[in-house]
């Protein structure tokens, strides 16, 4: 199931992807503040309260400026915020990436894959992007597997923001062909 709702929200079988609100901040800060999640973020450890607030502000600004960005991932069954996912413009590469992070207590249930695939679909079908990339730290096997499951193809290893990553990409044509 993939349904576009008002305000560029997306509904899937188990999730609602919606813009993060200021009311989400405490839960968002606890998710990105977890060192286990944070070690996969650019900083390499959990974000402080202030860093989480700055990131949430940037996320909200992206939606206002670009009409796309990072959503909060809501578990439909519980109604709880369980993570974030969406599309992020990387100015240094002039490319759009799919990104995601799920609360540690929700790992292993396929939520990251479901949310990331829906983000790709939104980017290709609603925003008509020609290409979407994915970046994962070289040792982040779980994230690399998510990128592969949603159809992105490994292209190269690279360094960005002084971090060694694996670079994946998928074109709209490849995405459309995979949906047939």
N, C-alpha and C. Protein backbone atom coordinates (compact mmCIF):
# COMPACT_ATOMS: atom_id res chain seq x y z
N UNK A 1 0.84 -1.19 0.00
CA UNK A 1 0.00 0.00 0.00
C UNK A 1 0.88 1.25 0.00
N UNK A 2 0.52 2.18 -0.83
CA UNK A 2 1.21 3.47 -0.91
C UNK A 2 0.17 4.51 -1.27
N UNK A 3 -0.08 5.41 -0.35
CA UNK A 3 -1.13 6.42 -0.57
C UNK A 3 -0.59 7.79 -0.18
N UNK A 4 -0.74 8.75 -1.09
CA UNK A 4 -0.37 10.13 -0.79
C UNK A 4 -1.56 10.78 -0.08
N UNK A 5 -1.29 11.34 1.07
CA UNK A 5 -2.32 12.04 1.83
C UNK A 5 -2.09 13.53 1.72
N UNK A 6 -2.93 14.32 2.36
CA UNK A 6 -2.75 15.78 2.31
C UNK A 6 -1.40 16.17 2.89
N UNK A 7 -0.92 17.33 2.50
CA UNK A 7 0.34 17.89 3.00
C UNK A 7 1.55 17.00 2.72
N UNK A 8 1.52 16.30 1.62
CA UNK A 8 2.65 15.44 1.22
C UNK A 8 2.96 14.37 2.26
N UNK A 9 1.95 13.90 2.95
CA UNK A 9 2.11 12.76 3.84
C UNK A 9 1.93 11.49 3.03
N UNK A 10 2.58 10.43 3.49
CA UNK A 10 2.50 9.13 2.81
C UNK A 10 2.00 8.10 3.81
N UNK A 11 1.11 7.26 3.35
CA UNK A 11 0.63 6.15 4.17
C UNK A 11 1.04 4.85 3.51
N UNK A 12 1.61 3.95 4.29
CA UNK A 12 1.96 2.62 3.81
C UNK A 12 1.14 1.62 4.61
N UNK A 13 1.42 0.37 4.42
CA UNK A 13 0.67 -0.67 5.13
C UNK A 13 0.76 -0.51 6.64
N UNK A 14 1.96 -0.19 7.15
CA UNK A 14 2.14 -0.13 8.60
C UNK A 14 2.55 1.24 9.13
N UNK A 15 2.84 2.17 8.23
CA UNK A 15 3.43 3.45 8.64
C UNK A 15 2.69 4.65 8.06
N UNK A 16 2.85 5.77 8.75
CA UNK A 16 2.49 7.07 8.20
C UNK A 16 3.77 7.90 8.22
N UNK A 17 4.10 8.47 7.08
CA UNK A 17 5.25 9.36 6.97
C UNK A 17 4.69 10.78 6.90
N UNK A 18 5.01 11.57 7.90
CA UNK A 18 4.48 12.94 7.94
C UNK A 18 5.57 13.89 8.41
N UNK A 19 5.35 15.16 8.10
CA UNK A 19 6.32 16.17 8.51
C UNK A 19 6.49 16.13 10.02
N UNK A 20 7.72 16.27 10.44
CA UNK A 20 8.00 16.36 11.87
C UNK A 20 7.48 17.69 12.41
N UNK A 21 6.92 17.64 13.59
CA UNK A 21 6.37 18.83 14.24
C UNK A 21 7.21 19.15 15.47
N UNK A 22 7.06 20.36 15.97
CA UNK A 22 7.77 20.72 17.20
C UNK A 22 7.37 19.80 18.34
N UNK A 23 6.13 19.33 18.35
CA UNK A 23 5.67 18.40 19.39
C UNK A 23 6.42 17.07 19.36
N UNK A 24 7.04 16.75 18.23
CA UNK A 24 7.79 15.50 18.09
C UNK A 24 9.20 15.60 18.65
N UNK A 25 9.59 16.80 19.07
CA UNK A 25 11.01 17.02 19.35
C UNK A 25 11.57 16.09 20.40
N UNK A 26 10.90 15.90 21.51
CA UNK A 26 11.47 15.08 22.58
C UNK A 26 11.77 13.66 22.09
N UNK A 27 10.82 13.06 21.37
CA UNK A 27 11.03 11.70 20.86
C UNK A 27 12.11 11.69 19.78
N UNK A 28 12.07 12.67 18.87
CA UNK A 28 13.08 12.78 17.82
C UNK A 28 14.47 12.90 18.46
N UNK A 29 14.60 13.78 19.47
CA UNK A 29 15.89 13.99 20.12
C UNK A 29 16.38 12.71 20.80
N UNK A 30 15.47 11.92 21.36
CA UNK A 30 15.90 10.68 22.00
C UNK A 30 16.35 9.65 20.96
N UNK A 31 15.71 9.64 19.79
CA UNK A 31 16.11 8.71 18.73
C UNK A 31 17.50 9.07 18.21
N UNK A 32 17.69 10.34 17.79
CA UNK A 32 18.98 10.73 17.22
C UNK A 32 20.04 10.91 18.29
N UNK A 33 19.63 10.96 19.56
CA UNK A 33 20.58 11.06 20.66
C UNK A 33 21.13 9.72 21.10
N UNK A 34 20.54 8.64 20.64
CA UNK A 34 21.00 7.30 20.98
C UNK A 34 22.33 7.05 20.26
N UNK A 35 23.36 6.71 21.03
CA UNK A 35 24.69 6.51 20.43
C UNK A 35 24.71 5.38 19.40
N UNK A 36 23.88 4.37 19.57
CA UNK A 36 23.84 3.26 18.61
C UNK A 36 23.35 3.76 17.25
N UNK A 37 22.39 4.68 17.25
CA UNK A 37 21.90 5.29 16.01
C UNK A 37 22.88 6.37 15.56
N UNK A 38 23.32 7.17 16.51
CA UNK A 38 24.20 8.29 16.20
C UNK A 38 25.51 7.90 15.56
N UNK A 39 26.01 6.69 15.86
CA UNK A 39 27.29 6.30 15.25
C UNK A 39 27.18 6.17 13.74
N UNK A 40 25.96 6.06 13.21
CA UNK A 40 25.77 5.97 11.77
C UNK A 40 25.52 7.35 11.14
N UNK A 41 25.32 8.36 11.98
CA UNK A 41 25.12 9.74 11.50
C UNK A 41 26.48 10.41 11.31
N UNK A 42 26.52 11.54 10.62
CA UNK A 42 27.82 12.16 10.34
C UNK A 42 28.68 12.42 11.58
N UNK A 43 28.07 12.77 12.69
CA UNK A 43 28.84 13.08 13.90
C UNK A 43 29.55 11.84 14.45
N UNK A 44 28.96 10.67 14.27
CA UNK A 44 29.57 9.44 14.74
C UNK A 44 29.16 9.04 16.14
N UNK A 45 28.28 9.80 16.76
CA UNK A 45 27.73 9.48 18.07
C UNK A 45 26.38 10.18 18.20
N UNK A 46 25.66 9.87 19.25
CA UNK A 46 24.35 10.47 19.44
C UNK A 46 24.42 11.99 19.46
N UNK A 47 23.38 12.61 18.95
CA UNK A 47 23.32 14.07 18.91
C UNK A 47 22.91 14.61 20.27
N UNK A 48 23.46 15.75 20.63
CA UNK A 48 23.02 16.43 21.84
C UNK A 48 21.63 17.01 21.60
N UNK A 49 21.02 17.44 22.66
CA UNK A 49 19.70 18.08 22.58
C UNK A 49 19.74 19.28 21.62
N UNK A 50 20.78 20.09 21.72
CA UNK A 50 20.91 21.28 20.86
C UNK A 50 21.14 20.89 19.40
N UNK A 51 21.96 19.87 19.17
CA UNK A 51 22.20 19.41 17.80
C UNK A 51 20.93 18.83 17.19
N UNK A 52 20.15 18.10 17.98
CA UNK A 52 18.88 17.55 17.49
C UNK A 52 17.93 18.69 17.13
N UNK A 53 17.90 19.73 17.94
CA UNK A 53 17.02 20.88 17.65
C UNK A 53 17.44 21.57 16.36
N UNK A 54 18.74 21.75 16.17
CA UNK A 54 19.21 22.38 14.92
C UNK A 54 18.86 21.53 13.71
N UNK A 55 18.97 20.19 13.85
CA UNK A 55 18.63 19.32 12.73
C UNK A 55 17.13 19.39 12.44
N UNK A 56 16.31 19.36 13.48
CA UNK A 56 14.86 19.47 13.27
C UNK A 56 14.53 20.80 12.58
N UNK A 57 15.18 21.88 12.97
CA UNK A 57 14.95 23.18 12.32
C UNK A 57 15.32 23.12 10.84
N UNK A 58 16.46 22.46 10.52
CA UNK A 58 16.88 22.32 9.11
C UNK A 58 15.89 21.47 8.31
N UNK A 59 15.37 20.42 8.95
CA UNK A 59 14.37 19.56 8.30
C UNK A 59 13.13 20.38 7.95
N UNK A 60 12.66 21.16 8.90
CA UNK A 60 11.46 21.97 8.66
C UNK A 60 11.72 23.02 7.59
N UNK A 61 12.91 23.60 7.57
CA UNK A 61 13.28 24.58 6.55
C UNK A 61 13.31 23.94 5.16
N UNK A 62 13.81 22.70 5.07
CA UNK A 62 13.85 22.00 3.78
C UNK A 62 12.45 21.84 3.21
N UNK A 63 11.50 21.46 4.06
CA UNK A 63 10.11 21.33 3.59
C UNK A 63 9.59 22.66 3.07
N UNK A 64 9.89 23.74 3.78
CA UNK A 64 9.41 25.06 3.37
C UNK A 64 10.05 25.53 2.07
N UNK A 65 11.33 25.24 1.90
CA UNK A 65 12.05 25.73 0.72
C UNK A 65 11.92 24.82 -0.49
N UNK A 66 11.88 23.49 -0.28
CA UNK A 66 11.97 22.54 -1.39
C UNK A 66 10.71 21.74 -1.63
N UNK A 67 9.77 21.79 -0.70
CA UNK A 67 8.55 20.97 -0.75
C UNK A 67 8.86 19.47 -0.66
N UNK A 68 10.01 19.14 -0.09
CA UNK A 68 10.34 17.77 0.28
C UNK A 68 11.34 17.84 1.42
N UNK A 69 11.53 16.71 2.06
CA UNK A 69 12.47 16.67 3.18
C UNK A 69 12.36 15.36 3.92
N UNK A 70 12.62 15.42 5.20
CA UNK A 70 12.61 14.25 6.07
C UNK A 70 11.29 14.22 6.84
N UNK A 71 10.65 13.06 6.83
CA UNK A 71 9.41 12.86 7.57
C UNK A 71 9.69 12.23 8.93
N UNK A 72 8.72 12.34 9.79
CA UNK A 72 8.67 11.48 10.95
C UNK A 72 8.02 10.18 10.53
N UNK A 73 8.49 9.06 11.05
CA UNK A 73 7.92 7.74 10.76
C UNK A 73 7.03 7.37 11.94
N UNK A 74 5.74 7.25 11.64
CA UNK A 74 4.74 6.96 12.67
C UNK A 74 4.26 5.52 12.49
N UNK A 75 4.29 4.74 13.56
CA UNK A 75 3.73 3.40 13.56
C UNK A 75 2.22 3.54 13.61
N UNK A 76 1.52 3.06 12.59
CA UNK A 76 0.06 3.21 12.53
C UNK A 76 -0.64 2.53 13.69
N UNK A 77 -0.13 1.39 14.09
CA UNK A 77 -0.78 0.62 15.15
C UNK A 77 -0.73 1.36 16.50
N UNK A 78 0.43 1.90 16.84
CA UNK A 78 0.59 2.56 18.14
C UNK A 78 0.38 4.07 18.08
N UNK A 79 0.57 4.66 16.89
CA UNK A 79 0.51 6.11 16.76
C UNK A 79 1.79 6.81 17.20
N UNK A 80 2.82 6.04 17.52
CA UNK A 80 4.07 6.60 18.04
C UNK A 80 5.06 6.93 16.93
N UNK A 81 5.84 7.98 17.17
CA UNK A 81 6.97 8.31 16.31
C UNK A 81 8.06 7.28 16.59
N UNK A 82 8.48 6.56 15.54
CA UNK A 82 9.50 5.51 15.73
C UNK A 82 10.78 5.79 14.94
N UNK A 83 10.83 6.92 14.23
CA UNK A 83 12.03 7.22 13.48
C UNK A 83 11.82 8.37 12.52
N UNK A 84 12.71 8.46 11.57
CA UNK A 84 12.65 9.49 10.54
C UNK A 84 13.09 8.87 9.22
N UNK A 85 12.65 9.44 8.13
CA UNK A 85 13.10 9.02 6.81
C UNK A 85 12.71 10.10 5.82
N UNK A 86 13.26 10.04 4.64
CA UNK A 86 12.86 10.99 3.62
C UNK A 86 13.97 11.28 2.65
N UNK A 87 13.88 12.46 2.07
CA UNK A 87 14.78 12.88 1.02
C UNK A 87 15.51 14.14 1.47
N UNK A 88 16.81 14.14 1.24
CA UNK A 88 17.66 15.22 1.73
C UNK A 88 18.59 15.67 0.61
N UNK A 89 18.61 16.95 0.34
CA UNK A 89 19.52 17.50 -0.67
C UNK A 89 20.92 17.62 -0.08
N UNK A 90 21.90 17.01 -0.73
CA UNK A 90 23.30 17.13 -0.32
C UNK A 90 23.94 18.16 -1.26
N UNK A 91 24.08 19.36 -0.76
CA UNK A 91 24.59 20.46 -1.58
C UNK A 91 25.97 20.15 -2.15
N UNK A 92 26.82 19.52 -1.35
CA UNK A 92 28.20 19.24 -1.78
C UNK A 92 28.25 18.31 -2.99
N UNK A 93 27.23 17.51 -3.17
CA UNK A 93 27.18 16.59 -4.32
C UNK A 93 26.16 17.04 -5.37
N UNK A 94 25.34 18.02 -5.02
CA UNK A 94 24.22 18.45 -5.86
C UNK A 94 23.33 17.26 -6.21
N UNK A 95 23.04 16.44 -5.18
CA UNK A 95 22.22 15.25 -5.36
C UNK A 95 21.25 15.12 -4.18
N UNK A 96 20.22 14.32 -4.39
CA UNK A 96 19.24 14.05 -3.35
C UNK A 96 19.45 12.64 -2.85
N UNK A 97 19.52 12.49 -1.53
CA UNK A 97 19.71 11.17 -0.92
C UNK A 97 18.44 10.75 -0.20
N UNK A 98 18.26 9.43 -0.14
CA UNK A 98 17.25 8.85 0.74
C UNK A 98 17.96 8.56 2.05
N UNK A 99 17.33 8.95 3.16
CA UNK A 99 17.93 8.67 4.46
C UNK A 99 16.85 8.17 5.41
N UNK A 100 17.28 7.52 6.47
CA UNK A 100 16.34 6.90 7.41
C UNK A 100 17.05 6.57 8.70
N UNK A 101 16.29 6.53 9.75
CA UNK A 101 16.76 6.08 11.05
C UNK A 101 15.56 5.64 11.86
N UNK A 102 15.65 4.48 12.43
CA UNK A 102 14.54 3.90 13.20
C UNK A 102 15.01 3.66 14.63
N UNK A 103 14.13 3.96 15.57
CA UNK A 103 14.42 3.74 16.98
C UNK A 103 14.91 2.31 17.20
N UNK A 104 15.94 2.18 18.02
CA UNK A 104 16.60 0.88 18.22
C UNK A 104 15.62 -0.22 18.64
N UNK A 105 14.61 0.12 19.43
CA UNK A 105 13.67 -0.91 19.88
C UNK A 105 12.73 -1.38 18.77
N UNK A 106 12.83 -0.76 17.59
CA UNK A 106 11.99 -1.15 16.44
C UNK A 106 12.81 -1.80 15.33
N UNK A 107 14.10 -2.02 15.56
CA UNK A 107 14.95 -2.63 14.54
C UNK A 107 14.51 -4.06 14.24
N UNK A 108 14.80 -4.48 13.02
CA UNK A 108 14.57 -5.86 12.63
C UNK A 108 13.15 -6.18 12.21
N UNK A 109 12.33 -5.16 12.02
CA UNK A 109 10.93 -5.37 11.65
C UNK A 109 10.60 -4.89 10.23
N UNK A 110 11.61 -4.41 9.52
CA UNK A 110 11.39 -3.96 8.15
C UNK A 110 10.88 -2.54 8.01
N UNK A 111 10.82 -1.79 9.11
CA UNK A 111 10.31 -0.42 9.03
C UNK A 111 11.21 0.49 8.20
N UNK A 112 12.53 0.36 8.36
CA UNK A 112 13.44 1.21 7.58
C UNK A 112 13.27 0.95 6.09
N UNK A 113 13.15 -0.31 5.71
CA UNK A 113 12.97 -0.66 4.30
C UNK A 113 11.65 -0.11 3.77
N UNK A 114 10.58 -0.28 4.53
CA UNK A 114 9.26 0.20 4.11
C UNK A 114 9.26 1.73 3.97
N UNK A 115 9.84 2.41 4.93
CA UNK A 115 9.87 3.87 4.89
C UNK A 115 10.79 4.38 3.77
N UNK A 116 11.96 3.77 3.62
CA UNK A 116 12.91 4.22 2.60
C UNK A 116 12.35 3.98 1.19
N UNK A 117 11.72 2.83 0.98
CA UNK A 117 11.14 2.56 -0.34
C UNK A 117 10.04 3.58 -0.65
N UNK A 118 9.23 3.90 0.33
CA UNK A 118 8.16 4.89 0.13
C UNK A 118 8.75 6.26 -0.17
N UNK A 119 9.88 6.59 0.44
CA UNK A 119 10.56 7.86 0.15
C UNK A 119 11.03 7.89 -1.29
N UNK A 120 11.61 6.78 -1.75
CA UNK A 120 12.03 6.68 -3.16
C UNK A 120 10.84 6.88 -4.09
N UNK A 121 9.78 6.17 -3.79
CA UNK A 121 8.59 6.23 -4.64
C UNK A 121 8.05 7.66 -4.70
N UNK A 122 8.00 8.34 -3.56
CA UNK A 122 7.56 9.73 -3.52
C UNK A 122 8.47 10.60 -4.38
N UNK A 123 9.78 10.40 -4.26
CA UNK A 123 10.73 11.20 -5.02
C UNK A 123 10.62 11.01 -6.52
N UNK A 124 10.42 9.78 -6.95
CA UNK A 124 10.32 9.51 -8.37
C UNK A 124 8.93 9.83 -8.94
N UNK A 125 7.89 9.46 -8.22
CA UNK A 125 6.53 9.59 -8.76
C UNK A 125 5.91 10.97 -8.52
N UNK A 126 6.21 11.59 -7.40
CA UNK A 126 5.60 12.88 -7.08
C UNK A 126 6.50 14.07 -7.42
N UNK A 127 7.79 13.90 -7.27
CA UNK A 127 8.73 15.00 -7.48
C UNK A 127 9.48 14.88 -8.80
N UNK A 128 9.35 13.74 -9.47
CA UNK A 128 9.98 13.50 -10.77
C UNK A 128 11.50 13.64 -10.76
N UNK A 129 12.13 13.23 -9.65
CA UNK A 129 13.58 13.23 -9.62
C UNK A 129 14.09 12.22 -10.64
N UNK A 130 15.21 12.55 -11.26
CA UNK A 130 15.84 11.64 -12.23
C UNK A 130 16.68 10.58 -11.54
N UNK A 131 17.23 10.93 -10.36
CA UNK A 131 18.11 10.01 -9.65
C UNK A 131 18.03 10.30 -8.16
N UNK A 132 18.10 9.26 -7.37
CA UNK A 132 18.19 9.39 -5.91
C UNK A 132 19.35 8.50 -5.47
N UNK A 133 20.15 9.03 -4.57
CA UNK A 133 21.30 8.27 -4.08
C UNK A 133 21.06 7.82 -2.64
N UNK A 134 21.92 6.93 -2.19
CA UNK A 134 21.95 6.51 -0.79
C UNK A 134 23.40 6.40 -0.37
N UNK A 135 23.67 6.85 0.83
CA UNK A 135 25.02 6.76 1.39
C UNK A 135 24.95 5.97 2.68
N UNK A 136 25.92 5.09 2.89
CA UNK A 136 25.99 4.32 4.13
C UNK A 136 27.45 4.20 4.54
N UNK A 137 27.69 4.38 5.82
CA UNK A 137 29.05 4.16 6.31
C UNK A 137 29.47 2.75 5.94
N UNK A 138 30.73 2.59 5.63
CA UNK A 138 31.25 1.34 5.07
C UNK A 138 30.94 0.13 5.95
N UNK A 139 30.93 0.29 7.26
CA UNK A 139 30.69 -0.83 8.16
C UNK A 139 29.22 -0.97 8.58
N UNK A 140 28.36 -0.13 8.04
CA UNK A 140 26.94 -0.18 8.42
C UNK A 140 26.20 -1.17 7.52
N UNK A 141 26.36 -2.44 7.83
CA UNK A 141 25.80 -3.51 7.00
C UNK A 141 24.27 -3.42 6.93
N UNK A 142 23.63 -3.09 8.05
CA UNK A 142 22.15 -3.01 8.05
C UNK A 142 21.66 -1.95 7.06
N UNK A 143 22.29 -0.79 7.05
CA UNK A 143 21.88 0.27 6.14
C UNK A 143 22.20 -0.08 4.69
N UNK A 144 23.34 -0.69 4.47
CA UNK A 144 23.70 -1.14 3.12
C UNK A 144 22.65 -2.13 2.61
N UNK A 145 22.21 -3.03 3.49
CA UNK A 145 21.19 -4.00 3.09
C UNK A 145 19.86 -3.33 2.77
N UNK A 146 19.48 -2.30 3.53
CA UNK A 146 18.25 -1.56 3.23
C UNK A 146 18.36 -0.94 1.84
N UNK A 147 19.47 -0.29 1.55
CA UNK A 147 19.64 0.35 0.24
C UNK A 147 19.53 -0.68 -0.89
N UNK A 148 20.12 -1.84 -0.69
CA UNK A 148 20.03 -2.89 -1.71
C UNK A 148 18.59 -3.40 -1.86
N UNK A 149 17.90 -3.61 -0.73
CA UNK A 149 16.52 -4.12 -0.77
C UNK A 149 15.59 -3.18 -1.51
N UNK A 150 15.82 -1.87 -1.40
CA UNK A 150 14.92 -0.92 -2.07
C UNK A 150 15.34 -0.64 -3.50
N UNK A 151 16.39 -1.32 -3.96
CA UNK A 151 16.74 -1.27 -5.38
C UNK A 151 17.91 -0.41 -5.76
N UNK A 152 18.53 0.28 -4.81
CA UNK A 152 19.68 1.10 -5.17
C UNK A 152 20.86 0.20 -5.52
N UNK A 153 21.69 0.67 -6.44
CA UNK A 153 22.84 -0.10 -6.92
C UNK A 153 24.13 0.54 -6.42
N UNK A 154 25.00 -0.31 -5.87
CA UNK A 154 26.30 0.17 -5.42
C UNK A 154 27.10 0.68 -6.60
N UNK A 155 27.72 1.87 -6.43
CA UNK A 155 28.54 2.45 -7.49
C UNK A 155 30.00 2.61 -7.09
N UNK A 156 30.26 3.02 -5.84
CA UNK A 156 31.65 3.30 -5.47
C UNK A 156 31.75 3.55 -3.97
N UNK A 157 32.97 3.49 -3.49
CA UNK A 157 33.30 3.99 -2.16
C UNK A 157 33.77 5.43 -2.34
N UNK A 158 33.46 6.26 -1.37
CA UNK A 158 33.87 7.66 -1.45
C UNK A 158 33.98 8.24 -0.05
N UNK A 159 34.52 9.43 0.02
CA UNK A 159 34.61 10.15 1.29
C UNK A 159 33.83 11.45 1.15
N UNK A 160 32.94 11.70 2.11
CA UNK A 160 32.19 12.95 2.16
C UNK A 160 32.11 13.36 3.63
N UNK A 161 32.29 14.63 3.89
CA UNK A 161 32.29 15.15 5.26
C UNK A 161 33.31 14.40 6.12
N UNK A 162 34.42 14.00 5.51
CA UNK A 162 35.49 13.25 6.17
C UNK A 162 35.03 11.88 6.67
N UNK A 163 34.00 11.32 6.01
CA UNK A 163 33.47 10.01 6.38
C UNK A 163 33.57 9.10 5.16
N UNK A 164 34.08 7.90 5.35
CA UNK A 164 34.15 6.91 4.27
C UNK A 164 32.79 6.23 4.16
N UNK A 165 32.21 6.28 2.96
CA UNK A 165 30.87 5.74 2.74
C UNK A 165 30.82 4.91 1.47
N UNK A 166 29.80 4.11 1.39
CA UNK A 166 29.43 3.42 0.14
C UNK A 166 28.34 4.27 -0.51
N UNK A 167 28.49 4.50 -1.81
CA UNK A 167 27.59 5.35 -2.60
C UNK A 167 26.74 4.44 -3.48
N UNK A 168 25.44 4.55 -3.33
CA UNK A 168 24.47 3.81 -4.12
C UNK A 168 23.63 4.81 -4.89
N UNK A 169 23.03 4.35 -6.00
CA UNK A 169 22.12 5.23 -6.73
C UNK A 169 21.06 4.41 -7.45
N UNK A 170 19.98 5.11 -7.79
CA UNK A 170 18.90 4.53 -8.57
C UNK A 170 18.31 5.63 -9.43
N UNK A 171 18.13 5.36 -10.71
CA UNK A 171 17.50 6.35 -11.59
C UNK A 171 16.00 6.09 -11.63
N UNK A 172 15.28 7.10 -12.06
CA UNK A 172 13.84 6.95 -12.19
C UNK A 172 13.51 5.86 -13.20
N UNK A 173 14.25 5.78 -14.29
CA UNK A 173 14.02 4.74 -15.30
C UNK A 173 14.20 3.34 -14.69
N UNK A 174 15.27 3.15 -13.91
CA UNK A 174 15.50 1.87 -13.26
C UNK A 174 14.38 1.56 -12.26
N UNK A 175 13.96 2.58 -11.53
CA UNK A 175 12.87 2.39 -10.56
C UNK A 175 11.59 1.97 -11.28
N UNK A 176 11.25 2.69 -12.35
CA UNK A 176 10.03 2.38 -13.11
C UNK A 176 10.10 0.98 -13.70
N UNK A 177 11.26 0.58 -14.21
CA UNK A 177 11.41 -0.77 -14.77
C UNK A 177 11.27 -1.84 -13.71
N UNK A 178 11.71 -1.55 -12.49
CA UNK A 178 11.62 -2.54 -11.41
C UNK A 178 10.18 -2.71 -10.92
N UNK A 179 9.33 -1.74 -11.20
CA UNK A 179 7.94 -1.78 -10.75
C UNK A 179 7.03 -2.50 -11.73
N UNK A 180 7.55 -2.85 -12.90
CA UNK A 180 6.70 -3.48 -13.92
C UNK A 180 6.50 -4.95 -13.65
